[in-house]
Protein backbone atom coordinates (compact mmCIF):
# COMPACT_ATOMS: atom_id res chain seq x y z
CA MET A 1 22.78 -9.54 -11.57
CA THR A 2 19.25 -10.96 -10.47
CA PHE A 3 16.09 -9.05 -10.79
CA THR A 4 16.14 -8.56 -6.86
CA GLU A 5 19.66 -6.70 -7.27
CA PHE A 6 18.13 -4.46 -9.78
CA ASN A 7 15.44 -3.51 -7.74
CA ILE A 8 17.78 -2.65 -4.91
CA LEU A 9 19.73 -0.49 -7.14
CA ILE A 10 16.68 1.47 -8.31
CA ILE A 11 15.09 1.87 -4.88
CA GLY A 12 18.54 2.86 -3.73
CA VAL A 13 18.63 5.82 -6.64
CA ALA A 14 15.11 6.93 -5.49
CA VAL A 15 16.14 7.31 -2.02
CA MET A 16 18.72 9.40 -3.05
CA ALA A 17 16.67 11.40 -5.50
CA VAL A 18 14.27 12.28 -2.46
CA GLY A 19 17.16 13.21 -0.42
CA MET A 20 18.21 15.33 -3.22
CA ILE A 21 14.72 17.29 -3.44
CA VAL A 22 15.26 17.80 0.22
CA ALA A 23 18.80 19.07 -0.15
CA ILE A 24 17.45 21.22 -3.12
CA VAL A 25 14.68 22.91 -0.86
CA ARG A 26 17.51 23.69 1.65
CA LEU A 27 19.59 25.06 -1.08
CA LEU A 28 16.75 27.42 -2.26
CA PHE A 29 15.59 28.44 1.34
CA GLY A 30 18.34 28.09 3.48
CA PRO A 31 18.96 30.98 5.85
CA THR A 32 22.41 31.46 5.64
CA SER A 33 24.98 31.15 3.09
CA PRO A 34 26.93 28.21 4.54
CA ASP A 35 23.73 26.24 4.77
CA ARG A 36 23.25 26.57 1.00
CA ILE A 37 26.88 25.53 0.34
CA VAL A 38 26.58 22.54 2.67
CA ALA A 39 23.24 21.93 0.83
CA LEU A 40 24.88 22.24 -2.62
CA ASP A 41 27.81 19.97 -1.63
CA THR A 42 25.09 17.41 -0.63
CA VAL A 43 23.28 17.49 -3.68
CA ASN A 44 26.51 17.10 -5.65
CA THR A 45 27.31 14.09 -3.37
CA LEU A 46 24.01 12.68 -4.36
CA VAL A 47 24.70 12.99 -7.90
CA VAL A 48 27.66 11.04 -7.66
CA GLY A 49 25.95 8.13 -5.83
CA MET A 50 23.01 8.24 -8.37
CA MET A 51 25.41 8.17 -11.32
CA ILE A 52 27.29 5.09 -9.75
CA GLY A 53 24.07 3.56 -9.21
CA LEU A 54 22.92 4.18 -12.54
CA GLY A 55 26.40 3.02 -13.80
CA ALA A 56 25.73 -0.44 -12.08
CA TYR A 57 22.11 -0.62 -12.86
CA HIS A 58 22.90 -0.28 -16.68
CA GLU A 59 26.15 -2.16 -16.45
CA GLU A 60 28.28 0.49 -18.09
CA VAL A 61 31.39 1.80 -16.79
CA ILE A 62 31.23 5.11 -18.41
CA PHE A 63 28.85 6.38 -15.69
CA ILE A 64 31.66 5.29 -13.07
CA ASP A 65 34.45 7.36 -15.00
CA ILE A 66 31.76 10.42 -15.03
CA ALA A 67 30.79 9.99 -11.40
CA ILE A 68 34.80 10.01 -10.48
CA VAL A 69 35.56 13.36 -12.56
CA TYR A 70 32.12 14.94 -11.15
CA ALA A 71 33.28 14.22 -7.99
CA VAL A 72 36.72 15.80 -7.93
CA LEU A 73 35.02 18.81 -9.65
CA SER A 74 32.42 19.16 -6.95
CA PHE A 75 35.23 18.60 -4.44
CA VAL A 76 37.43 21.56 -5.87
CA THR A 77 34.26 23.92 -6.37
CA THR A 78 33.36 23.63 -2.74
CA LEU A 79 37.07 24.56 -1.71
CA VAL A 80 36.89 27.56 -3.93
CA ILE A 81 33.62 28.80 -2.70
CA ALA A 82 34.96 28.02 1.18
CA LYS A 83 38.13 30.03 0.43
CA TYR A 84 35.94 32.89 -1.30
CA MET A 85 33.60 33.06 1.93
CA GLU A 86 36.43 33.06 4.39
CA GLY A 87 38.30 35.91 2.44
CA SER A 88 34.81 37.81 2.57
CA LYS A 89 34.24 37.36 6.10
CA GLU A 90 37.63 38.67 6.92
CA GLU A 91 36.79 41.63 4.94
CA VAL A 92 33.80 42.26 7.09
CA ASN A 93 35.86 42.15 10.49
């Protein structure tokens, strides 16, 4: 990789970090539970993207492997939370 490709990777990771800060603010101050869950899923997606970007920057494959496992666990967690919220919504009605 050349010097400019490294710069592009770092800029991309920095942009994702800014997006993560915005999503964390939404996670902490979201008005409803679904808003907070979407913010949490957004944070998880940005973490996966940052791990892949940093793995490409450091030229380490282990970051990619960990990102794949983290993405699968994040997806399953989102499904479990959605199922839990669906069940609690039915009990209220």
